[in-house]
Amino acid sequence: MKKGFRNYNFEFDKNERKMISAFCKQVLKQVSGNNEYFRTERAFNSLLDKIDSGEETVKLTKEEFLNISEHLKSNMRFYQDQIKKAWFFKRWMYKSMLTQYSAIYDKHFKE
């Protein structure tokens, strides 16, 4: 059975908004000024504006949804790899970030 239309309206709590906002700013720092990532930059700029607007319900476009879900997945894979290689303090920091990102991903962006 085919999936119908997907609802891209999300209600993030205060901590999720902070994490997503920080994540968007991090991605924008990495891709700003590079013409290859123009679409990603545009999607994350509009996502950051929507998150920071203060509205209770955040309405995403399909492009924004796909961009943030893919970047969250790749970030989670990065942290998993770094946890395997890191020593105690770094591992503790990475585990904290990984659990926060995976909670957001599982709650809102998992298909």
PDB file of N, CA and C in Angstrom:
ATOM      1  N   MET A   1       0.835  -1.177   0.000  1.00  0.00           N
ATOM      2  CA  MET A   1       0.000   0.000   0.000  1.00  0.00           C
ATOM      3  C   MET A   1       0.888   1.251   0.000  1.00  0.00           C
ATOM      4  N   LYS A   2       0.564   2.183  -0.867  1.00  0.00           N
ATOM      5  CA  LYS A   2       1.347   3.403  -0.977  1.00  0.00           C
ATOM      6  C   LYS A   2       1.033   4.362   0.151  1.00  0.00           C
ATOM      7  N   LYS A   3       2.064   5.109   0.551  1.00  0.00           N
ATOM      8  CA  LYS A   3       1.843   6.153   1.540  1.00  0.00           C
ATOM      9  C   LYS A   3       1.168   7.332   0.878  1.00  0.00           C
ATOM     10  N   GLY A   4       0.269   7.949   1.609  1.00  0.00           N
ATOM     11  CA  GLY A   4      -0.386   9.151   1.106  1.00  0.00           C
ATOM     12  C   GLY A   4       0.479  10.365   1.343  1.00  0.00           C
ATOM     13  N   PHE A   5      -0.144  11.470   1.428  1.00  0.00           N
ATOM     14  CA  PHE A   5       0.584  12.707   1.695  1.00  0.00           C
ATOM     15  C   PHE A   5       1.098  12.710   3.124  1.00  0.00           C
ATOM     16  N   ARG A   6       2.262  13.252   3.302  1.00  0.00           N
ATOM     17  CA  ARG A   6       2.867  13.300   4.625  1.00  0.00           C
ATOM     18  C   ARG A   6       2.613  14.673   5.247  1.00  0.00           C
ATOM     19  N   ASN A   7       2.386  14.677   6.540  1.00  0.00           N
ATOM     20  CA  ASN A   7       2.165  15.912   7.273  1.00  0.00           C
ATOM     21  C   ASN A   7       3.515  16.457   7.719  1.00  0.00           C
ATOM     22  N   TYR A   8       3.833  17.674   7.300  1.00  0.00           N
ATOM     23  CA  TYR A   8       5.102  18.301   7.652  1.00  0.00           C
ATOM     24  C   TYR A   8       4.929  19.386   8.714  1.00  0.00           C
ATOM     25  N   ASN A   9       3.900  19.264   9.516  1.00  0.00           N
ATOM     26  CA  ASN A   9       3.677  20.193  10.628  1.00  0.00           C
ATOM     27  C   ASN A   9       4.217  19.556  11.897  1.00  0.00           C
ATOM     28  N   PHE A  10       5.086  20.277  12.595  1.00  0.00           N
ATOM     29  CA  PHE A  10       5.720  19.731  13.786  1.00  0.00           C
ATOM     30  C   PHE A  10       5.539  20.670  14.957  1.00  0.00           C
ATOM     31  N   GLU A  11       5.423  20.085  16.131  1.00  0.00           N
ATOM     32  CA  GLU A  11       5.377  20.861  17.369  1.00  0.00           C
ATOM     33  C   GLU A  11       6.583  20.451  18.205  1.00  0.00           C
ATOM     34  N   PHE A  12       7.606  21.291  18.192  1.00  0.00           N
ATOM     35  CA  PHE A  12       8.830  21.024  18.932  1.00  0.00           C
ATOM     36  C   PHE A  12       8.731  21.647  20.308  1.00  0.00           C
ATOM     37  N   ASP A  13       9.292  20.960  21.298  1.00  0.00           N
ATOM     38  CA  ASP A  13       9.347  21.583  22.626  1.00  0.00           C
ATOM     39  C   ASP A  13      10.557  22.517  22.687  1.00  0.00           C
ATOM     40  N   LYS A  14      10.741  23.158  23.836  1.00  0.00           N
ATOM     41  CA  LYS A  14      11.771  24.186  23.990  1.00  0.00           C
ATOM     42  C   LYS A  14      13.178  23.643  23.730  1.00  0.00           C
ATOM     43  N   ASN A  15      13.489  22.476  24.284  1.00  0.00           N
ATOM     44  CA  ASN A  15      14.824  21.895  24.107  1.00  0.00           C
ATOM     45  C   ASN A  15      15.062  21.449  22.672  1.00  0.00           C
ATOM     46  N   GLU A  16      14.034  20.890  22.046  1.00  0.00           N
ATOM     47  CA  GLU A  16      14.178  20.478  20.650  1.00  0.00           C
ATOM     48  C   GLU A  16      14.404  21.682  19.750  1.00  0.00           C
ATOM     49  N   ARG A  17      13.722  22.773  20.031  1.00  0.00           N
ATOM     50  CA  ARG A  17      13.929  23.998  19.251  1.00  0.00           C
ATOM     51  C   ARG A  17      15.367  24.485  19.373  1.00  0.00           C
ATOM     52  N   LYS A  18      15.910  24.451  20.591  1.00  0.00           N
ATOM     53  CA  LYS A  18      17.294  24.891  20.793  1.00  0.00           C
ATOM     54  C   LYS A  18      18.263  23.983  20.048  1.00  0.00           C
ATOM     55  N   MET A  19      18.050  22.679  20.135  1.00  0.00           N
ATOM     56  CA  MET A  19      18.949  21.735  19.459  1.00  0.00           C
ATOM     57  C   MET A  19      18.878  21.898  17.945  1.00  0.00           C
ATOM     58  N   ILE A  20      17.682  22.018  17.406  1.00  0.00           N
ATOM     59  CA  ILE A  20      17.525  22.157  15.954  1.00  0.00           C
ATOM     60  C   ILE A  20      18.088  23.495  15.488  1.00  0.00           C
ATOM     61  N   SER A  21      17.878  24.539  16.272  1.00  0.00           N
ATOM     62  CA  SER A  21      18.422  25.847  15.926  1.00  0.00           C
ATOM     63  C   SER A  21      19.949  25.810  15.904  1.00  0.00           C
ATOM     64  N   ALA A  22      20.554  25.207  16.911  1.00  0.00           N
ATOM     65  CA  ALA A  22      22.015  25.087  16.952  1.00  0.00           C
ATOM     66  C   ALA A  22      22.520  24.222  15.806  1.00  0.00           C
ATOM     67  N   PHE A  23      21.786  23.167  15.495  1.00  0.00           N
ATOM     68  CA  PHE A  23      22.163  22.282  14.396  1.00  0.00           C
ATOM     69  C   PHE A  23      22.109  23.027  13.060  1.00  0.00           C
ATOM     70  N   CYS A  24      21.054  23.818  12.855  1.00  0.00           N
ATOM     71  CA  CYS A  24      20.926  24.588  11.613  1.00  0.00           C
ATOM     72  C   CYS A  24      22.055  25.603  11.484  1.00  0.00           C
ATOM     73  N   LYS A  25      22.383  26.282  12.570  1.00  0.00           N
ATOM     74  CA  LYS A  25      23.478  27.253  12.542  1.00  0.00           C
ATOM     75  C   LYS A  25      24.805  26.581  12.221  1.00  0.00           C
ATOM     76  N   GLN A  26      25.004  25.382  12.756  1.00  0.00           N
ATOM     77  CA  GLN A  26      26.229  24.630  12.479  1.00  0.00           C
ATOM     78  C   GLN A  26      26.323  24.265  11.000  1.00  0.00           C
ATOM     79  N   VAL A  27      25.223  23.795  10.436  1.00  0.00           N
ATOM     80  CA  VAL A  27      25.220  23.431   9.016  1.00  0.00           C
ATOM     81  C   VAL A  27      25.425  24.669   8.153  1.00  0.00           C
ATOM     82  N   LEU A  28      24.795  25.779   8.509  1.00  0.00           N
ATOM     83  CA  LEU A  28      24.943  27.003   7.725  1.00  0.00           C
ATOM     84  C   LEU A  28      26.372  27.526   7.748  1.00  0.00           C
ATOM     85  N   LYS A  29      27.056  27.382   8.875  1.00  0.00           N
ATOM     86  CA  LYS A  29      28.464  27.791   8.926  1.00  0.00           C
ATOM     87  C   LYS A  29      29.305  26.948   7.977  1.00  0.00           C
ATOM     88  N   GLN A  30      28.974  25.682   7.854  1.00  0.00           N
ATOM     89  CA  GLN A  30      29.766  24.781   7.019  1.00  0.00           C
ATOM     90  C   GLN A  30      29.522  24.989   5.536  1.00  0.00           C
ATOM     91  N   VAL A  31      28.294  25.326   5.142  1.00  0.00           N
ATOM     92  CA  VAL A  31      27.973  25.402   3.722  1.00  0.00           C
ATOM     93  C   VAL A  31      27.863  26.820   3.183  1.00  0.00           C
ATOM     94  N   SER A  32      27.969  27.840   4.031  1.00  0.00           N
ATOM     95  CA  SER A  32      27.781  29.207   3.549  1.00  0.00           C
ATOM     96  C   SER A  32      28.884  29.605   2.576  1.00  0.00           C
ATOM     97  N   GLY A  33      28.479  30.279   1.529  1.00  0.00           N
ATOM     98  CA  GLY A  33      29.425  30.774   0.549  1.00  0.00           C
ATOM     99  C   GLY A  33      29.791  29.781  -0.540  1.00  0.00           C
ATOM    100  N   ASN A  34      29.390  28.530  -0.424  1.00  0.00           N
ATOM    101  CA  ASN A  34      29.704  27.532  -1.422  1.00  0.00           C
ATOM    102  C   ASN A  34      28.495  27.364  -2.346  1.00  0.00           C
ATOM    103  N   ASN A  35      28.681  27.607  -3.640  1.00  0.00           N
ATOM    104  CA  ASN A  35      27.573  27.548  -4.589  1.00  0.00           C
ATOM    105  C   ASN A  35      27.029  26.142  -4.789  1.00  0.00           C
ATOM    106  N   GLU A  36      27.817  25.126  -4.477  1.00  0.00           N
ATOM    107  CA  GLU A  36      27.347  23.750  -4.627  1.00  0.00           C
ATOM    108  C   GLU A  36      26.231  23.424  -3.646  1.00  0.00           C
ATOM    109  N   TYR A  37      26.238  24.089  -2.507  1.00  0.00           N
ATOM    110  CA  TYR A  37      25.271  23.802  -1.455  1.00  0.00           C
ATOM    111  C   TYR A  37      24.228  24.905  -1.320  1.00  0.00           C
ATOM    112  N   PHE A  38      23.895  25.549  -2.413  1.00  0.00           N
ATOM    113  CA  PHE A  38      22.928  26.645  -2.376  1.00  0.00           C
ATOM    114  C   PHE A  38      21.565  26.178  -1.897  1.00  0.00           C
ATOM    115  N   ARG A  39      21.100  25.035  -2.391  1.00  0.00           N
ATOM    116  CA  ARG A  39      19.788  24.519  -1.991  1.00  0.00           C
ATOM    117  C   ARG A  39      19.758  24.158  -0.513  1.00  0.00           C
ATOM    118  N   THR A  40      20.832  23.573  -0.025  1.00  0.00           N
ATOM    119  CA  THR A  40      20.905  23.225   1.387  1.00  0.00           C
ATOM    120  C   THR A  40      20.914  24.480   2.240  1.00  0.00           C
ATOM    121  N   GLU A  41      21.674  25.472   1.818  1.00  0.00           N
ATOM    122  CA  GLU A  41      21.742  26.725   2.563  1.00  0.00           C
ATOM    123  C   GLU A  41      20.380  27.409   2.605  1.00  0.00           C
ATOM    124  N   ARG A  42      19.689  27.420   1.493  1.00  0.00           N
ATOM    125  CA  ARG A  42      18.366  28.035   1.429  1.00  0.00           C
ATOM    126  C   ARG A  42      17.372  27.300   2.331  1.00  0.00           C
ATOM    127  N   ALA A  43      17.417  25.961   2.303  1.00  0.00           N
ATOM    128  CA  ALA A  43      16.498  25.174   3.123  1.00  0.00           C
ATOM    129  C   ALA A  43      16.759  25.389   4.610  1.00  0.00           C
ATOM    130  N   PHE A  44      18.021  25.400   5.010  1.00  0.00           N
ATOM    131  CA  PHE A  44      18.331  25.574   6.425  1.00  0.00           C
ATOM    132  C   PHE A  44      18.101  27.005   6.901  1.00  0.00           C
ATOM    133  N   ASN A  45      18.280  27.993   6.019  1.00  0.00           N
ATOM    134  CA  ASN A  45      17.953  29.375   6.395  1.00  0.00           C
ATOM    135  C   ASN A  45      16.459  29.525   6.675  1.00  0.00           C
ATOM    136  N   SER A  46      15.628  28.972   5.793  1.00  0.00           N
ATOM    137  CA  SER A  46      14.187  29.083   6.019  1.00  0.00           C
ATOM    138  C   SER A  46      13.757  28.257   7.226  1.00  0.00           C
ATOM    139  N   LEU A  47      14.389  27.115   7.446  1.00  0.00           N
ATOM    140  CA  LEU A  47      14.089  26.294   8.623  1.00  0.00           C
ATOM    141  C   LEU A  47      14.453  27.032   9.903  1.00  0.00           C
ATOM    142  N   LEU A  48      15.598  27.684   9.909  1.00  0.00           N
ATOM    143  CA  LEU A  48      16.030  28.454  11.080  1.00  0.00           C
ATOM    144  C   LEU A  48      15.075  29.619  11.345  1.00  0.00           C
ATOM    145  N   ASP A  49      14.626  30.275  10.289  1.00  0.00           N
ATOM    146  CA  ASP A  49      13.659  31.362  10.459  1.00  0.00           C
ATOM    147  C   ASP A  49      12.354  30.848  11.058  1.00  0.00           C
ATOM    148  N   LYS A  50      11.905  29.691  10.605  1.00  0.00           N
ATOM    149  CA  LYS A  50      10.656  29.126  11.118  1.00  0.00           C
ATOM    150  C   LYS A  50      10.793  28.686  12.570  1.00  0.00           C
ATOM    151  N   ILE A  51      11.931  28.117  12.925  1.00  0.00           N
ATOM    152  CA  ILE A  51      12.147  27.668  14.302  1.00  0.00           C
ATOM    153  C   ILE A  51      12.226  28.873  15.238  1.00  0.00           C
ATOM    154  N   ASP A  52      12.931  29.920  14.812  1.00  0.00           N
ATOM    155  CA  ASP A  52      13.124  31.101  15.652  1.00  0.00           C
ATOM    156  C   ASP A  52      11.923  32.047  15.669  1.00  0.00           C
ATOM    157  N   SER A  53      10.916  31.784  14.835  1.00  0.00           N
ATOM    158  CA  SER A  53       9.756  32.676  14.791  1.00  0.00           C
ATOM    159  C   SER A  53       8.930  32.610  16.065  1.00  0.00           C
ATOM    160  N   GLY A  54       9.002  31.493  16.786  1.00  0.00           N
ATOM    161  CA  GLY A  54       8.276  31.372  18.045  1.00  0.00           C
ATOM    162  C   GLY A  54       6.881  30.792  17.903  1.00  0.00           C
ATOM    163  N   GLU A  55       6.472  30.461  16.693  1.00  0.00           N
ATOM    164  CA  GLU A  55       5.160  29.849  16.516  1.00  0.00           C
ATOM    165  C   GLU A  55       5.164  28.446  17.118  1.00  0.00           C
ATOM    166  N   GLU A  56       3.996  28.034  17.583  1.00  0.00           N
ATOM    167  CA  GLU A  56       3.904  26.732  18.226  1.00  0.00           C
ATOM    168  C   GLU A  56       4.057  25.590  17.225  1.00  0.00           C
ATOM    169  N   THR A  57       3.408  25.720  16.082  1.00  0.00           N
ATOM    170  CA  THR A  57       3.495  24.700  15.042  1.00  0.00           C
ATOM    171  C   THR A  57       4.426  25.186  13.942  1.00  0.00           C
ATOM    172  N   VAL A  58       5.400  24.348  13.594  1.00  0.00           N
ATOM    173  CA  VAL A  58       6.356  24.678  12.552  1.00  0.00           C
ATOM    174  C   VAL A  58       5.978  23.880  11.307  1.00  0.00           C
ATOM    175  N   LYS A  59       5.701  24.584  10.213  1.00  0.00           N
ATOM    176  CA  LYS A  59       5.317  23.945   8.965  1.00  0.00           C
ATOM    177  C   LYS A  59       6.527  23.909   8.044  1.00  0.00           C
ATOM    178  N   LEU A  60       6.992  22.699   7.746  1.00  0.00           N
ATOM    179  CA  LEU A  60       8.163  22.528   6.886  1.00  0.00           C
ATOM    180  C   LEU A  60       7.733  22.166   5.476  1.00  0.00           C
ATOM    181  N   THR A  61       8.596  22.473   4.525  1.00  0.00           N
ATOM    182  CA  THR A  61       8.397  21.987   3.171  1.00  0.00           C
ATOM    183  C   THR A  61       9.052  20.617   3.059  1.00  0.00           C
ATOM    184  N   LYS A  62       8.773  19.940   1.974  1.00  0.00           N
ATOM    185  CA  LYS A  62       9.358  18.611   1.778  1.00  0.00           C
ATOM    186  C   LYS A  62      10.875  18.701   1.683  1.00  0.00           C
ATOM    187  N   GLU A  63      11.377  19.727   1.014  1.00  0.00           N
ATOM    188  CA  GLU A  63      12.821  19.918   0.868  1.00  0.00           C
ATOM    189  C   GLU A  63      13.493  20.138   2.224  1.00  0.00           C
ATOM    190  N   GLU A  64      12.885  20.967   3.059  1.00  0.00           N
ATOM    191  CA  GLU A  64      13.434  21.209   4.393  1.00  0.00           C
ATOM    192  C   GLU A  64      13.425  19.937   5.225  1.00  0.00           C
ATOM    193  N   PHE A  65      12.323  19.210   5.156  1.00  0.00           N
ATOM    194  CA  PHE A  65      12.207  17.960   5.896  1.00  0.00           C
ATOM    195  C   PHE A  65      13.284  16.963   5.472  1.00  0.00           C
ATOM    196  N   LEU A  66      13.458  16.795   4.170  1.00  0.00           N
ATOM    197  CA  LEU A  66      14.451  15.837   3.672  1.00  0.00           C
ATOM    198  C   LEU A  66      15.866  16.274   4.029  1.00  0.00           C
ATOM    199  N   ASN A  67      16.148  17.570   3.918  1.00  0.00           N
ATOM    200  CA  ASN A  67      17.485  18.069   4.255  1.00  0.00           C
ATOM    201  C   ASN A  67      17.820  17.838   5.716  1.00  0.00           C
ATOM    202  N   ILE A  68      16.913  18.194   6.601  1.00  0.00           N
ATOM    203  CA  ILE A  68      17.236  18.054   8.022  1.00  0.00           C
ATOM    204  C   ILE A  68      17.289  16.591   8.426  1.00  0.00           C
ATOM    205  N   SER A  69      16.438  15.755   7.871  1.00  0.00           N
ATOM    206  CA  SER A  69      16.490  14.340   8.244  1.00  0.00           C
ATOM    207  C   SER A  69      17.783  13.687   7.743  1.00  0.00           C
ATOM    208  N   GLU A  70      18.215  14.020   6.534  1.00  0.00           N
ATOM    209  CA  GLU A  70      19.468  13.458   6.013  1.00  0.00           C
ATOM    210  C   GLU A  70      20.670  13.951   6.800  1.00  0.00           C
ATOM    211  N   HIS A  71      20.688  15.232   7.136  1.00  0.00           N
ATOM    212  CA  HIS A  71      21.816  15.762   7.902  1.00  0.00           C
ATOM    213  C   HIS A  71      21.830  15.214   9.327  1.00  0.00           C
ATOM    214  N   LEU A  72      20.672  15.017   9.926  1.00  0.00           N
ATOM    215  CA  LEU A  72      20.633  14.408  11.255  1.00  0.00           C
ATOM    216  C   LEU A  72      21.162  12.976  11.210  1.00  0.00           C
ATOM    217  N   LYS A  73      20.763  12.233  10.180  1.00  0.00           N
ATOM    218  CA  LYS A  73      21.254  10.849  10.043  1.00  0.00           C
ATOM    219  C   LYS A  73      22.764  10.815   9.881  1.00  0.00           C
ATOM    220  N   SER A  74      23.286  11.688   9.035  1.00  0.00           N
ATOM    221  CA  SER A  74      24.738  11.680   8.819  1.00  0.00           C
ATOM    222  C   SER A  74      25.480  12.126  10.074  1.00  0.00           C
ATOM    223  N   ASN A  75      24.918  13.073  10.810  1.00  0.00           N
ATOM    224  CA  ASN A  75      25.530  13.506  12.058  1.00  0.00           C
ATOM    225  C   ASN A  75      25.523  12.387  13.095  1.00  0.00           C
ATOM    226  N   MET A  76      24.439  11.641  13.156  1.00  0.00           N
ATOM    227  CA  MET A  76      24.361  10.518  14.099  1.00  0.00           C
ATOM    228  C   MET A  76      25.382   9.441  13.741  1.00  0.00           C
ATOM    229  N   ARG A  77      25.553   9.170  12.433  1.00  0.00           N
ATOM    230  CA  ARG A  77      26.580   8.202  12.015  1.00  0.00           C
ATOM    231  C   ARG A  77      27.971   8.683  12.397  1.00  0.00           C
ATOM    232  N   PHE A  78      28.244   9.984  12.226  1.00  0.00           N
ATOM    233  CA  PHE A  78      29.528  10.553  12.596  1.00  0.00           C
ATOM    234  C   PHE A  78      29.791  10.360  14.082  1.00  0.00           C
ATOM    235  N   TYR A  79      28.803  10.687  14.911  1.00  0.00           N
ATOM    236  CA  TYR A  79      28.982  10.534  16.359  1.00  0.00           C
ATOM    237  C   TYR A  79      29.170   9.080  16.757  1.00  0.00           C
ATOM    238  N   GLN A  80      28.472   8.163  16.101  1.00  0.00           N
ATOM    239  CA  GLN A  80      28.659   6.743  16.402  1.00  0.00           C
ATOM    240  C   GLN A  80      30.074   6.297  16.083  1.00  0.00           C
ATOM    241  N   ASP A  81      30.609   6.751  14.964  1.00  0.00           N
ATOM    242  CA  ASP A  81      31.994   6.415  14.608  1.00  0.00           C
ATOM    243  C   ASP A  81      32.980   7.033  15.581  1.00  0.00           C
ATOM    244  N   GLN A  82      32.747   8.265  15.986  1.00  0.00           N
ATOM    245  CA  GLN A  82      33.657   8.939  16.904  1.00  0.00           C
ATOM    246  C   GLN A  82      33.613   8.330  18.305  1.00  0.00           C
ATOM    247  N   ILE A  83      32.457   7.827  18.715  1.00  0.00           N
ATOM    248  CA  ILE A  83      32.342   7.190  20.024  1.00  0.00           C
ATOM    249  C   ILE A  83      33.220   5.949  20.093  1.00  0.00           C
ATOM    250  N   LYS A  84      33.308   5.226  18.993  1.00  0.00           N
ATOM    251  CA  LYS A  84      34.136   4.018  18.955  1.00  0.00           C
ATOM    252  C   LYS A  84      35.619   4.343  19.098  1.00  0.00           C
ATOM    253  N   LYS A  85      36.037   5.506  18.598  1.00  0.00           N
ATOM    254  CA  LYS A  85      37.452   5.868  18.586  1.00  0.00           C
ATOM    255  C   LYS A  85      37.893   6.698  19.786  1.00  0.00           C
ATOM    256  N   ALA A  86      36.953   7.370  20.438  1.00  0.00           N
ATOM    257  CA  ALA A  86      37.298   8.395  21.426  1.00  0.00           C
ATOM    258  C   ALA A  86      37.609   7.808  22.802  1.00  0.00           C
ATOM    259  N   TRP A  87      38.277   8.642  23.602  1.00  0.00           N
ATOM    260  CA  TRP A  87      38.544   8.307  24.991  1.00  0.00           C
ATOM    261  C   TRP A  87      37.367   8.731  25.841  1.00  0.00           C
ATOM    262  N   PHE A  88      37.504   8.601  27.146  1.00  0.00           N
ATOM    263  CA  PHE A  88      36.380   8.737  28.064  1.00  0.00           C
ATOM    264  C   PHE A  88      35.633  10.059  27.945  1.00  0.00           C
ATOM    265  N   PHE A  89      36.304  11.194  28.073  1.00  0.00           N
ATOM    266  CA  PHE A  89      35.610  12.484  28.108  1.00  0.00           C
ATOM    267  C   PHE A  89      34.931  12.788  26.771  1.00  0.00           C
ATOM    268  N   LYS A  90      35.658  12.583  25.677  1.00  0.00           N
ATOM    269  CA  LYS A  90      35.066  12.829  24.361  1.00  0.00           C
ATOM    270  C   LYS A  90      33.898  11.886  24.119  1.00  0.00           C
ATOM    271  N   ARG A  91      34.037  10.644  24.536  1.00  0.00           N
ATOM    272  CA  ARG A  91      32.964   9.662  24.366  1.00  0.00           C
ATOM    273  C   ARG A  91      31.721  10.113  25.126  1.00  0.00           C
ATOM    274  N   TRP A  92      31.928  10.622  26.324  1.00  0.00           N
ATOM    275  CA  TRP A  92      30.812  11.097  27.132  1.00  0.00           C
ATOM    276  C   TRP A  92      30.096  12.265  26.444  1.00  0.00           C
ATOM    277  N   MET A  93      30.874  13.186  25.874  1.00  0.00           N
ATOM    278  CA  MET A  93      30.287  14.331  25.165  1.00  0.00           C
ATOM    279  C   MET A  93      29.546  13.880  23.905  1.00  0.00           C
ATOM    280  N   TYR A  94      30.162  13.002  23.131  1.00  0.00           N
ATOM    281  CA  TYR A  94      29.536  12.523  21.909  1.00  0.00           C
ATOM    282  C   TYR A  94      28.277  11.717  22.197  1.00  0.00           C
ATOM    283  N   LYS A  95      28.279  10.924  23.259  1.00  0.00           N
ATOM    284  CA  LYS A  95      27.089  10.148  23.599  1.00  0.00           C
ATOM    285  C   LYS A  95      25.925  11.059  23.944  1.00  0.00           C
ATOM    286  N   SER A  96      26.218  12.132  24.637  1.00  0.00           N
ATOM    287  CA  SER A  96      25.177  13.101  24.980  1.00  0.00           C
ATOM    288  C   SER A  96      24.558  13.686  23.711  1.00  0.00           C
ATOM    289  N   MET A  97      25.395  14.118  22.789  1.00  0.00           N
ATOM    290  CA  MET A  97      24.896  14.688  21.530  1.00  0.00           C
ATOM    291  C   MET A  97      24.140  13.645  20.713  1.00  0.00           C
ATOM    292  N   LEU A  98      24.676  12.438  20.681  1.00  0.00           N
ATOM    293  CA  LEU A  98      24.037  11.366  19.916  1.00  0.00           C
ATOM    294  C   LEU A  98      22.647  11.054  20.466  1.00  0.00           C
ATOM    295  N   THR A  99      22.507  10.976  21.775  1.00  0.00           N
ATOM    296  CA  THR A  99      21.188  10.669  22.338  1.00  0.00           C
ATOM    297  C   THR A  99      20.190  11.800  22.072  1.00  0.00           C
ATOM    298  N   GLN A 100      20.652  13.034  22.120  1.00  0.00           N
ATOM    299  CA  GLN A 100      19.744  14.148  21.841  1.00  0.00           C
ATOM    300  C   GLN A 100      19.313  14.160  20.380  1.00  0.00           C
ATOM    301  N   TYR A 101      20.264  13.983  19.468  1.00  0.00           N
ATOM    302  CA  TYR A 101      19.920  13.962  18.046  1.00  0.00           C
ATOM    303  C   TYR A 101      19.046  12.759  17.702  1.00  0.00           C
ATOM    304  N   SER A 102      19.357  11.609  18.252  1.00  0.00           N
ATOM    305  CA  SER A 102      18.558  10.425  17.925  1.00  0.00           C
ATOM    306  C   SER A 102      17.148  10.533  18.502  1.00  0.00           C
ATOM    307  N   ALA A 103      16.985  11.178  19.653  1.00  0.00           N
ATOM    308  CA  ALA A 103      15.647  11.369  20.203  1.00  0.00           C
ATOM    309  C   ALA A 103      14.817  12.275  19.293  1.00  0.00           C
ATOM    310  N   ILE A 104      15.423  13.345  18.806  1.00  0.00           N
ATOM    311  CA  ILE A 104      14.712  14.247  17.889  1.00  0.00           C
ATOM    312  C   ILE A 104      14.393  13.531  16.593  1.00  0.00           C
ATOM    313  N   TYR A 105      15.357  12.792  16.065  1.00  0.00           N
ATOM    314  CA  TYR A 105      15.151  12.084  14.807  1.00  0.00           C
ATOM    315  C   TYR A 105      14.050  11.035  14.949  1.00  0.00           C
ATOM    316  N   ASP A 106      14.099  10.240  16.008  1.00  0.00           N
ATOM    317  CA  ASP A 106      13.107   9.183  16.195  1.00  0.00           C
ATOM    318  C   ASP A 106      11.709   9.737  16.433  1.00  0.00           C
ATOM    319  N   LYS A 107      11.627  10.848  17.124  1.00  0.00           N
ATOM    320  CA  LYS A 107      10.318  11.410  17.456  1.00  0.00           C
ATOM    321  C   LYS A 107       9.659  12.095  16.253  1.00  0.00           C
ATOM    322  N   HIS A 108      10.452  12.811  15.448  1.00  0.00           N
ATOM    323  CA  HIS A 108       9.857  13.656  14.418  1.00  0.00           C
ATOM    324  C   HIS A 108      10.188  13.260  12.977  1.00  0.00           C
ATOM    325  N   PHE A 109      11.391  12.788  12.715  1.00  0.00           N
ATOM    326  CA  PHE A 109      11.839  12.676  11.324  1.00  0.00           C
ATOM    327  C   PHE A 109      11.967  11.241  10.822  1.00  0.00           C
ATOM    328  N   LYS A 110      11.745  10.261  11.662  1.00  0.00           N
ATOM    329  CA  LYS A 110      11.858   8.878  11.224  1.00  0.00           C
ATOM    330  C   LYS A 110      10.668   8.533  10.350  1.00  0.00           C
ATOM    331  N   GLU A 111      10.937   7.895   9.228  1.00  0.00           N
ATOM    332  CA  GLU A 111       9.857   7.580   8.291  1.00  0.00           C
ATOM    333  C   GLU A 111       9.290   6.203   8.535  1.00  0.00           C
TER     334      GLU A 111
END
